[in-house]
Every structure is written in C-alpha cells, then in structure tokens.
Amino acid sequence: MTTTEMVAPETSVQLGDLIAVSDPDQGAEWMGKVVGIKHQLEAGAAPTILTIRRPINA
C-alpha cells in the first residue's frame, strides 16, 4: 500500500529512507519507506511530496 504526504520543503530525504509518518487522518504513527519524491512550486509555497510505501500490517 502506498500513500502520498505533502511536507515542508525537504532536501535531506532520499529514496529508500525509512520514515515515521504521523498523520491524524491515518490513525497511529507508522513507519514507511520513501519510494517517490517530488518538489513542487506553488504561489507562496514549495512543498515536497513524498510517496511512502506502508507495510500491509501497519
């Protein structure tokens, strides 16, 4: 299962990193593997969009 998270501009995250995801809409904090990174420019913001593979049992 994969999920997409928008975060503040982030340059230290790399593909394959394991990260903790804390999103109130998804329940308790869980660990996932970064499988996609996209930097986006918007008016007044430059978010980083991470695609994270979430283990099935999480």
C-alpha atoms as a PDB file:
ATOM      1  CA  MET A   1       0.000   0.000   0.000  1.00  0.00           C
ATOM      2  CA  THR A   2       1.352   3.471  -0.836  1.00  0.00           C
ATOM      3  CA  THR A   3       0.336   6.863   0.436  1.00  0.00           C
ATOM      4  CA  THR A   4       1.277  10.407  -0.552  1.00  0.00           C
ATOM      5  CA  GLU A   5       2.198  13.046   2.017  1.00  0.00           C
ATOM      6  CA  MET A   6       2.881  16.741   1.449  1.00  0.00           C
ATOM      7  CA  VAL A   7       5.567  18.161   3.746  1.00  0.00           C
ATOM      8  CA  ALA A   8       7.519  21.390   4.152  1.00  0.00           C
ATOM      9  CA  PRO A   9      10.381  21.744   1.649  1.00  0.00           C
ATOM     10  CA  GLU A  10      12.717  18.840   2.401  1.00  0.00           C
ATOM     11  CA  THR A  11      16.048  18.098   0.749  1.00  0.00           C
ATOM     12  CA  SER A  12      17.544  15.540   3.153  1.00  0.00           C
ATOM     13  CA  VAL A  13      15.065  12.724   2.408  1.00  0.00           C
ATOM     14  CA  GLN A  14      16.244  10.118  -0.112  1.00  0.00           C
ATOM     15  CA  LEU A  15      14.580   7.224  -1.908  1.00  0.00           C
ATOM     16  CA  GLY A  16      14.672   4.136   0.296  1.00  0.00           C
ATOM     17  CA  ASP A  17      14.708   6.062   3.593  1.00  0.00           C
ATOM     18  CA  LEU A  18      12.513   4.695   6.372  1.00  0.00           C
ATOM     19  CA  ILE A  19      10.476   7.482   7.948  1.00  0.00           C
ATOM     20  CA  ALA A  20       7.859   7.842  10.658  1.00  0.00           C
ATOM     21  CA  VAL A  21       4.520   9.143   9.398  1.00  0.00           C
ATOM     22  CA  SER A  22       2.283  10.968  11.842  1.00  0.00           C
ATOM     23  CA  ASP A  23      -0.981  11.889  10.117  1.00  0.00           C
ATOM     24  CA  PRO A  24      -4.113  12.212  12.292  1.00  0.00           C
ATOM     25  CA  ASP A  25      -6.273  11.109   9.332  1.00  0.00           C
ATOM     26  CA  GLN A  26      -4.397   7.775   9.175  1.00  0.00           C
ATOM     27  CA  GLY A  27      -4.502   6.836  12.866  1.00  0.00           C
ATOM     28  CA  ALA A  28      -1.428   5.996  14.913  1.00  0.00           C
ATOM     29  CA  GLU A  29       2.094   6.844  13.761  1.00  0.00           C
ATOM     30  CA  TRP A  30       3.598   4.237  11.407  1.00  0.00           C
ATOM     31  CA  MET A  31       6.904   3.581   9.617  1.00  0.00           C
ATOM     32  CA  GLY A  32       7.174   3.535   5.836  1.00  0.00           C
ATOM     33  CA  LYS A  33       9.732   3.507   3.015  1.00  0.00           C
ATOM     34  CA  VAL A  34      10.113   6.533   0.709  1.00  0.00           C
ATOM     35  CA  VAL A  35       9.502   5.333  -2.874  1.00  0.00           C
ATOM     36  CA  GLY A  36       8.908   8.691  -4.581  1.00  0.00           C
ATOM     37  CA  ILE A  37       9.953  12.321  -4.114  1.00  0.00           C
ATOM     38  CA  LYS A  38       8.567  15.336  -5.977  1.00  0.00           C
ATOM     39  CA  HIS A  39       9.327  19.010  -5.350  1.00  0.00           C
ATOM     40  CA  GLN A  40       6.586  21.393  -6.389  1.00  0.00           C
ATOM     41  CA  LEU A  41       6.432  25.162  -6.769  1.00  0.00           C
ATOM     42  CA  GLU A  42       3.200  26.924  -5.851  1.00  0.00           C
ATOM     43  CA  ALA A  43       2.355  30.541  -5.129  1.00  0.00           C
ATOM     44  CA  GLY A  44       3.872  31.259  -1.720  1.00  0.00           C
ATOM     45  CA  ALA A  45       4.987  27.650  -1.079  1.00  0.00           C
ATOM     46  CA  ALA A  46       7.357  24.961  -2.291  1.00  0.00           C
ATOM     47  CA  PRO A  47       6.159  21.697  -0.756  1.00  0.00           C
ATOM     48  CA  THR A  48       7.868  18.346  -1.098  1.00  0.00           C
ATOM     49  CA  ILE A  49       5.531  15.469  -1.949  1.00  0.00           C
ATOM     50  CA  LEU A  50       6.633  12.079  -0.652  1.00  0.00           C
ATOM     51  CA  THR A  51       5.216   8.754  -1.822  1.00  0.00           C
ATOM     52  CA  ILE A  52       5.607   6.276   1.017  1.00  0.00           C
ATOM     53  CA  ARG A  53       5.145   2.515   0.894  1.00  0.00           C
ATOM     54  CA  ARG A  54       3.274   1.443   4.002  1.00  0.00           C
ATOM     55  CA  PRO A  55       3.593  -2.157   5.174  1.00  0.00           C
ATOM     56  CA  ILE A  56       0.293  -4.072   4.957  1.00  0.00           C
ATOM     57  CA  ASN A  57       0.416  -4.933   8.671  1.00  0.00           C
ATOM     58  CA  ALA A  58       0.878  -1.276   9.752  1.00  0.00           C
END
